[in-house]
Amino acid sequence: MLVLAIVFVVAVIVGIVYLVRGLGRGGSAAGTQGVPGRHDSPEDILKRRYAAGEIDREDYESRMRDLRS
């Protein structure tokens, strides 16, 4: 009975550790879009925004020049 209680406590602790680690990686950092461990460059984010129609061509080119300077 004591062994079963120890195994249960260890399992709960391991579960909490995995839960905390998963929540730490799942934060909404810019550019991740729900993909853990993925960090896009500013250029990639800008290209995606232009492709999605969030910004026009003039704004895209202006911002791209700013990033490259």
PDB file of N, CA and C in Angstrom:
ATOM      1  N   MET A   1       0.816  -1.198   0.000  1.00  0.00           N
ATOM      2  CA  MET A   1       0.000   0.000   0.000  1.00  0.00           C
ATOM      3  C   MET A   1       0.858   1.259   0.000  1.00  0.00           C
ATOM      4  N   LEU A   2       1.932   1.251   0.760  1.00  0.00           N
ATOM      5  CA  LEU A   2       2.837   2.394   0.819  1.00  0.00           C
ATOM      6  C   LEU A   2       3.509   2.626  -0.540  1.00  0.00           C
ATOM      7  N   VAL A   3       3.890   1.547  -1.204  1.00  0.00           N
ATOM      8  CA  VAL A   3       4.527   1.652  -2.522  1.00  0.00           C
ATOM      9  C   VAL A   3       3.559   2.268  -3.516  1.00  0.00           C
ATOM     10  N   LEU A   4       2.320   1.876  -3.467  1.00  0.00           N
ATOM     11  CA  LEU A   4       1.302   2.423  -4.369  1.00  0.00           C
ATOM     12  C   LEU A   4       1.111   3.920  -4.134  1.00  0.00           C
ATOM     13  N   ALA A   5       1.119   4.338  -2.888  1.00  0.00           N
ATOM     14  CA  ALA A   5       0.983   5.759  -2.567  1.00  0.00           C
ATOM     15  C   ALA A   5       2.182   6.555  -3.082  1.00  0.00           C
ATOM     16  N   ILE A   6       3.379   6.001  -2.953  1.00  0.00           N
ATOM     17  CA  ILE A   6       4.593   6.678  -3.442  1.00  0.00           C
ATOM     18  C   ILE A   6       4.549   6.794  -4.961  1.00  0.00           C
ATOM     19  N   VAL A   7       4.155   5.726  -5.640  1.00  0.00           N
ATOM     20  CA  VAL A   7       4.054   5.752  -7.110  1.00  0.00           C
ATOM     21  C   VAL A   7       3.034   6.798  -7.544  1.00  0.00           C
ATOM     22  N   PHE A   8       1.925   6.890  -6.850  1.00  0.00           N
ATOM     23  CA  PHE A   8       0.899   7.873  -7.185  1.00  0.00           C
ATOM     24  C   PHE A   8       1.429   9.298  -7.019  1.00  0.00           C
ATOM     25  N   VAL A   9       2.120   9.585  -5.926  1.00  0.00           N
ATOM     26  CA  VAL A   9       2.667  10.921  -5.676  1.00  0.00           C
ATOM     27  C   VAL A   9       3.696  11.279  -6.743  1.00  0.00           C
ATOM     28  N   VAL A  10       4.559  10.341  -7.088  1.00  0.00           N
ATOM     29  CA  VAL A  10       5.567  10.588  -8.130  1.00  0.00           C
ATOM     30  C   VAL A  10       4.877  10.857  -9.471  1.00  0.00           C
ATOM     31  N   ALA A  11       3.835  10.103  -9.797  1.00  0.00           N
ATOM     32  CA  ALA A  11       3.108  10.308 -11.056  1.00  0.00           C
ATOM     33  C   ALA A  11       2.462  11.685 -11.097  1.00  0.00           C
ATOM     34  N   VAL A  12       1.905  12.131  -9.991  1.00  0.00           N
ATOM     35  CA  VAL A  12       1.299  13.462  -9.936  1.00  0.00           C
ATOM     36  C   VAL A  12       2.356  14.539 -10.133  1.00  0.00           C
ATOM     37  N   ILE A  13       3.504  14.393  -9.498  1.00  0.00           N
ATOM     38  CA  ILE A  13       4.590  15.378  -9.644  1.00  0.00           C
ATOM     39  C   ILE A  13       5.080  15.426 -11.078  1.00  0.00           C
ATOM     40  N   VAL A  14       5.280  14.274 -11.701  1.00  0.00           N
ATOM     41  CA  VAL A  14       5.724  14.224 -13.099  1.00  0.00           C
ATOM     42  C   VAL A  14       4.686  14.878 -14.006  1.00  0.00           C
ATOM     43  N   GLY A  15       3.414  14.617 -13.759  1.00  0.00           N
ATOM     44  CA  GLY A  15       2.356  15.235 -14.547  1.00  0.00           C
ATOM     45  C   GLY A  15       2.353  16.748 -14.431  1.00  0.00           C
ATOM     46  N   ILE A  16       2.565  17.252 -13.232  1.00  0.00           N
ATOM     47  CA  ILE A  16       2.618  18.707 -13.028  1.00  0.00           C
ATOM     48  C   ILE A  16       3.812  19.309 -13.758  1.00  0.00           C
ATOM     49  N   VAL A  17       4.948  18.636 -13.702  1.00  0.00           N
ATOM     50  CA  VAL A  17       6.138  19.141 -14.402  1.00  0.00           C
ATOM     51  C   VAL A  17       5.877  19.218 -15.905  1.00  0.00           C
ATOM     52  N   TYR A  18       5.305  18.185 -16.492  1.00  0.00           N
ATOM     53  CA  TYR A  18       5.002  18.208 -17.925  1.00  0.00           C
ATOM     54  C   TYR A  18       3.983  19.296 -18.267  1.00  0.00           C
ATOM     55  N   LEU A  19       3.017  19.488 -17.417  1.00  0.00           N
ATOM     56  CA  LEU A  19       2.012  20.521 -17.649  1.00  0.00           C
ATOM     57  C   LEU A  19       2.640  21.906 -17.636  1.00  0.00           C
ATOM     58  N   VAL A  20       3.483  22.169 -16.658  1.00  0.00           N
ATOM     59  CA  VAL A  20       4.142  23.479 -16.560  1.00  0.00           C
ATOM     60  C   VAL A  20       5.084  23.700 -17.735  1.00  0.00           C
ATOM     61  N   ARG A  21       5.830  22.697 -18.129  1.00  0.00           N
ATOM     62  CA  ARG A  21       6.737  22.838 -19.278  1.00  0.00           C
ATOM     63  C   ARG A  21       5.952  23.089 -20.557  1.00  0.00           C
ATOM     64  N   GLY A  22       4.840  22.413 -20.735  1.00  0.00           N
ATOM     65  CA  GLY A  22       4.008  22.599 -21.930  1.00  0.00           C
ATOM     66  C   GLY A  22       3.406  23.982 -21.989  1.00  0.00           C
ATOM     67  N   LEU A  23       2.960  24.504 -20.857  1.00  0.00           N
ATOM     68  CA  LEU A  23       2.388  25.853 -20.833  1.00  0.00           C
ATOM     69  C   LEU A  23       3.460  26.901 -21.073  1.00  0.00           C
ATOM     70  N   GLY A  24       4.677  26.651 -20.626  1.00  0.00           N
ATOM     71  CA  GLY A  24       5.778  27.588 -20.833  1.00  0.00           C
ATOM     72  C   GLY A  24       6.135  27.744 -22.290  1.00  0.00           C
ATOM     73  N   ARG A  25       6.050  26.673 -23.046  1.00  0.00           N
ATOM     74  CA  ARG A  25       6.368  26.729 -24.477  1.00  0.00           C
ATOM     75  C   ARG A  25       5.195  27.202 -25.313  1.00  0.00           C
ATOM     76  N   GLY A  26       4.015  27.093 -24.812  1.00  0.00           N
ATOM     77  CA  GLY A  26       2.830  27.411 -25.591  1.00  0.00           C
ATOM     78  C   GLY A  26       2.428  28.869 -25.548  1.00  0.00           C
ATOM     79  N   GLY A  27       3.279  29.727 -25.024  1.00  0.00           N
ATOM     80  CA  GLY A  27       2.952  31.145 -24.961  1.00  0.00           C
ATOM     81  C   GLY A  27       2.784  31.748 -26.325  1.00  0.00           C
ATOM     82  N   SER A  28       2.138  32.882 -26.410  1.00  0.00           N
ATOM     83  CA  SER A  28       1.848  33.484 -27.701  1.00  0.00           C
ATOM     84  C   SER A  28       2.906  34.511 -28.073  1.00  0.00           C
ATOM     85  N   ALA A  29       4.094  34.030 -28.360  1.00  0.00           N
ATOM     86  CA  ALA A  29       5.144  34.915 -28.832  1.00  0.00           C
ATOM     87  C   ALA A  29       4.859  35.287 -30.272  1.00  0.00           C
ATOM     88  N   ALA A  30       5.267  36.492 -30.678  1.00  0.00           N
ATOM     89  CA  ALA A  30       5.000  36.950 -32.040  1.00  0.00           C
ATOM     90  C   ALA A  30       5.662  36.025 -33.041  1.00  0.00           C
ATOM     91  N   GLY A  31       4.902  35.606 -34.020  1.00  0.00           N
ATOM     92  CA  GLY A  31       5.431  34.797 -35.095  1.00  0.00           C
ATOM     93  C   GLY A  31       5.332  33.307 -34.884  1.00  0.00           C
ATOM     94  N   THR A  32       4.931  32.844 -33.733  1.00  0.00           N
ATOM     95  CA  THR A  32       4.885  31.408 -33.523  1.00  0.00           C
ATOM     96  C   THR A  32       3.645  30.791 -34.112  1.00  0.00           C
ATOM     97  N   GLN A  33       2.538  31.459 -34.061  1.00  0.00           N
ATOM     98  CA  GLN A  33       1.271  30.996 -34.607  1.00  0.00           C
ATOM     99  C   GLN A  33       0.933  29.589 -34.160  1.00  0.00           C
ATOM    100  N   GLY A  34       1.140  29.295 -32.871  1.00  0.00           N
ATOM    101  CA  GLY A  34       0.742  28.017 -32.319  1.00  0.00           C
ATOM    102  C   GLY A  34       1.684  26.870 -32.604  1.00  0.00           C
ATOM    103  N   VAL A  35       2.844  27.133 -33.183  1.00  0.00           N
ATOM    104  CA  VAL A  35       3.800  26.082 -33.461  1.00  0.00           C
ATOM    105  C   VAL A  35       4.908  26.171 -32.423  1.00  0.00           C
ATOM    106  N   PRO A  36       4.981  25.222 -31.484  1.00  0.00           N
ATOM    107  CA  PRO A  36       5.996  25.295 -30.435  1.00  0.00           C
ATOM    108  C   PRO A  36       7.409  25.273 -31.000  1.00  0.00           C
ATOM    109  N   GLY A  37       8.262  26.132 -30.470  1.00  0.00           N
ATOM    110  CA  GLY A  37       9.654  26.162 -30.869  1.00  0.00           C
ATOM    111  C   GLY A  37       9.938  26.885 -32.172  1.00  0.00           C
ATOM    112  N   ARG A  38       8.950  27.442 -32.811  1.00  0.00           N
ATOM    113  CA  ARG A  38       9.157  28.110 -34.096  1.00  0.00           C
ATOM    114  C   ARG A  38       9.220  29.616 -33.883  1.00  0.00           C
ATOM    115  N   HIS A  39      10.306  30.215 -34.350  1.00  0.00           N
ATOM    116  CA  HIS A  39      10.468  31.660 -34.239  1.00  0.00           C
ATOM    117  C   HIS A  39      10.823  32.203 -35.619  1.00  0.00           C
ATOM    118  N   ASP A  40       9.900  32.931 -36.216  1.00  0.00           N
ATOM    119  CA  ASP A  40      10.122  33.490 -37.542  1.00  0.00           C
ATOM    120  C   ASP A  40      10.942  34.758 -37.441  1.00  0.00           C
ATOM    121  N   SER A  41      11.687  35.030 -38.508  1.00  0.00           N
ATOM    122  CA  SER A  41      12.444  36.275 -38.580  1.00  0.00           C
ATOM    123  C   SER A  41      11.469  37.417 -38.875  1.00  0.00           C
ATOM    124  N   PRO A  42      11.879  38.644 -38.625  1.00  0.00           N
ATOM    125  CA  PRO A  42      11.010  39.784 -38.954  1.00  0.00           C
ATOM    126  C   PRO A  42      10.631  39.815 -40.435  1.00  0.00           C
ATOM    127  N   GLU A  43      11.565  39.409 -41.299  1.00  0.00           N
ATOM    128  CA  GLU A  43      11.268  39.376 -42.733  1.00  0.00           C
ATOM    129  C   GLU A  43      10.170  38.360 -43.045  1.00  0.00           C
ATOM    130  N   ASP A  44      10.233  37.203 -42.398  1.00  0.00           N
ATOM    131  CA  ASP A  44       9.207  36.176 -42.618  1.00  0.00           C
ATOM    132  C   ASP A  44       7.835  36.658 -42.167  1.00  0.00           C
ATOM    133  N   ILE A  45       7.801  37.331 -41.033  1.00  0.00           N
ATOM    134  CA  ILE A  45       6.538  37.859 -40.527  1.00  0.00           C
ATOM    135  C   ILE A  45       5.982  38.897 -41.492  1.00  0.00           C
ATOM    136  N   LEU A  46       6.855  39.760 -41.989  1.00  0.00           N
ATOM    137  CA  LEU A  46       6.436  40.800 -42.927  1.00  0.00           C
ATOM    138  C   LEU A  46       5.906  40.180 -44.226  1.00  0.00           C
ATOM    139  N   LYS A  47       6.598  39.155 -44.726  1.00  0.00           N
ATOM    140  CA  LYS A  47       6.138  38.468 -45.940  1.00  0.00           C
ATOM    141  C   LYS A  47       4.769  37.836 -45.727  1.00  0.00           C
ATOM    142  N   ARG A  48       4.573  37.221 -44.571  1.00  0.00           N
ATOM    143  CA  ARG A  48       3.289  36.587 -44.280  1.00  0.00           C
ATOM    144  C   ARG A  48       2.171  37.631 -44.189  1.00  0.00           C
ATOM    145  N   ARG A  49       2.456  38.778 -43.573  1.00  0.00           N
ATOM    146  CA  ARG A  49       1.439  39.842 -43.465  1.00  0.00           C
ATOM    147  C   ARG A  49       1.085  40.392 -44.849  1.00  0.00           C
ATOM    148  N   TYR A  50       2.087  40.548 -45.720  1.00  0.00           N
ATOM    149  CA  TYR A  50       1.834  41.032 -47.079  1.00  0.00           C
ATOM    150  C   TYR A  50       1.004  40.011 -47.858  1.00  0.00           C
ATOM    151  N   ALA A  51       1.364  38.743 -47.722  1.00  0.00           N
ATOM    152  CA  ALA A  51       0.633  37.687 -48.428  1.00  0.00           C
ATOM    153  C   ALA A  51      -0.815  37.577 -47.940  1.00  0.00           C
ATOM    154  N   ALA A  52      -1.038  37.868 -46.670  1.00  0.00           N
ATOM    155  CA  ALA A  52      -2.388  37.787 -46.110  1.00  0.00           C
ATOM    156  C   ALA A  52      -3.214  39.034 -46.420  1.00  0.00           C
ATOM    157  N   GLY A  53      -2.571  40.056 -47.000  1.00  0.00           N
ATOM    158  CA  GLY A  53      -3.296  41.271 -47.345  1.00  0.00           C
ATOM    159  C   GLY A  53      -3.437  42.257 -46.195  1.00  0.00           C
ATOM    160  N   GLU A  54      -2.681  42.047 -45.125  1.00  0.00           N
ATOM    161  CA  GLU A  54      -2.750  42.959 -43.983  1.00  0.00           C
ATOM    162  C   GLU A  54      -2.081  44.303 -44.283  1.00  0.00           C
ATOM    163  N   ILE A  55      -1.083  44.283 -45.167  1.00  0.00           N
ATOM    164  CA  ILE A  55      -0.389  45.514 -45.557  1.00  0.00           C
ATOM    165  C   ILE A  55      -0.307  45.562 -47.082  1.00  0.00           C
ATOM    166  N   ASP A  56      -0.187  46.780 -47.626  1.00  0.00           N
ATOM    167  CA  ASP A  56      -0.092  46.901 -49.077  1.00  0.00           C
ATOM    168  C   ASP A  56       1.372  46.839 -49.517  1.00  0.00           C
ATOM    169  N   ARG A  57       1.586  46.866 -50.852  1.00  0.00           N
ATOM    170  CA  ARG A  57       2.927  46.702 -51.404  1.00  0.00           C
ATOM    171  C   ARG A  57       3.864  47.825 -50.966  1.00  0.00           C
ATOM    172  N   GLU A  58       3.369  49.051 -50.967  1.00  0.00           N
ATOM    173  CA  GLU A  58       4.208  50.188 -50.579  1.00  0.00           C
ATOM    174  C   GLU A  58       4.668  50.049 -49.123  1.00  0.00           C
ATOM    175  N   ASP A  59       3.755  49.690 -48.258  1.00  0.00           N
ATOM    176  CA  ASP A  59       4.088  49.504 -46.846  1.00  0.00           C
ATOM    177  C   ASP A  59       5.074  48.343 -46.684  1.00  0.00           C
ATOM    178  N   TYR A  60       4.844  47.253 -47.414  1.00  0.00           N
ATOM    179  CA  TYR A  60       5.730  46.092 -47.365  1.00  0.00           C
ATOM    180  C   TYR A  60       7.148  46.484 -47.770  1.00  0.00           C
ATOM    181  N   GLU A  61       7.288  47.149 -48.913  1.00  0.00           N
ATOM    182  CA  GLU A  61       8.612  47.520 -49.398  1.00  0.00           C
ATOM    183  C   GLU A  61       9.305  48.508 -48.460  1.00  0.00           C
ATOM    184  N   SER A  62       8.546  49.447 -47.918  1.00  0.00           N
ATOM    185  CA  SER A  62       9.116  50.412 -46.979  1.00  0.00           C
ATOM    186  C   SER A  62       9.634  49.725 -45.713  1.00  0.00           C
ATOM    187  N   ARG A  63       8.840  48.848 -45.181  1.00  0.00           N
ATOM    188  CA  ARG A  63       9.253  48.144 -43.962  1.00  0.00           C
ATOM    189  C   ARG A  63      10.421  47.201 -44.229  1.00  0.00           C
ATOM    190  N   MET A  64      10.425  46.575 -45.397  1.00  0.00           N
ATOM    191  CA  MET A  64      11.525  45.678 -45.738  1.00  0.00           C
ATOM    192  C   MET A  64      12.833  46.470 -45.865  1.00  0.00           C
ATOM    193  N   ARG A  65      12.764  47.658 -46.458  1.00  0.00           N
ATOM    194  CA  ARG A  65      13.970  48.501 -46.539  1.00  0.00           C
ATOM    195  C   ARG A  65      14.445  48.890 -45.125  1.00  0.00           C
ATOM    196  N   ASP A  66      13.509  49.212 -44.242  1.00  0.00           N
ATOM    197  CA  ASP A  66      13.885  49.552 -42.866  1.00  0.00           C
ATOM    198  C   ASP A  66      14.565  48.380 -42.178  1.00  0.00           C
ATOM    199  N   LEU A  67      14.071  47.187 -42.399  1.00  0.00           N
ATOM    200  CA  LEU A  67      14.672  46.021 -41.759  1.00  0.00           C
ATOM    201  C   LEU A  67      16.076  45.730 -42.265  1.00  0.00           C
ATOM    202  N   ARG A  68      16.289  45.983 -43.539  1.00  0.00           N
ATOM    203  CA  ARG A  68      17.587  45.672 -44.146  1.00  0.00           C
ATOM    204  C   ARG A  68      18.637  46.753 -43.946  1.00  0.00           C
ATOM    205  N   SER A  69      18.224  47.927 -43.483  1.00  0.00           N
ATOM    206  CA  SER A  69      19.198  49.015 -43.293  1.00  0.00           C
ATOM    207  C   SER A  69      19.808  48.990 -41.930  1.00  0.00           C
TER     208      SER A  69
END
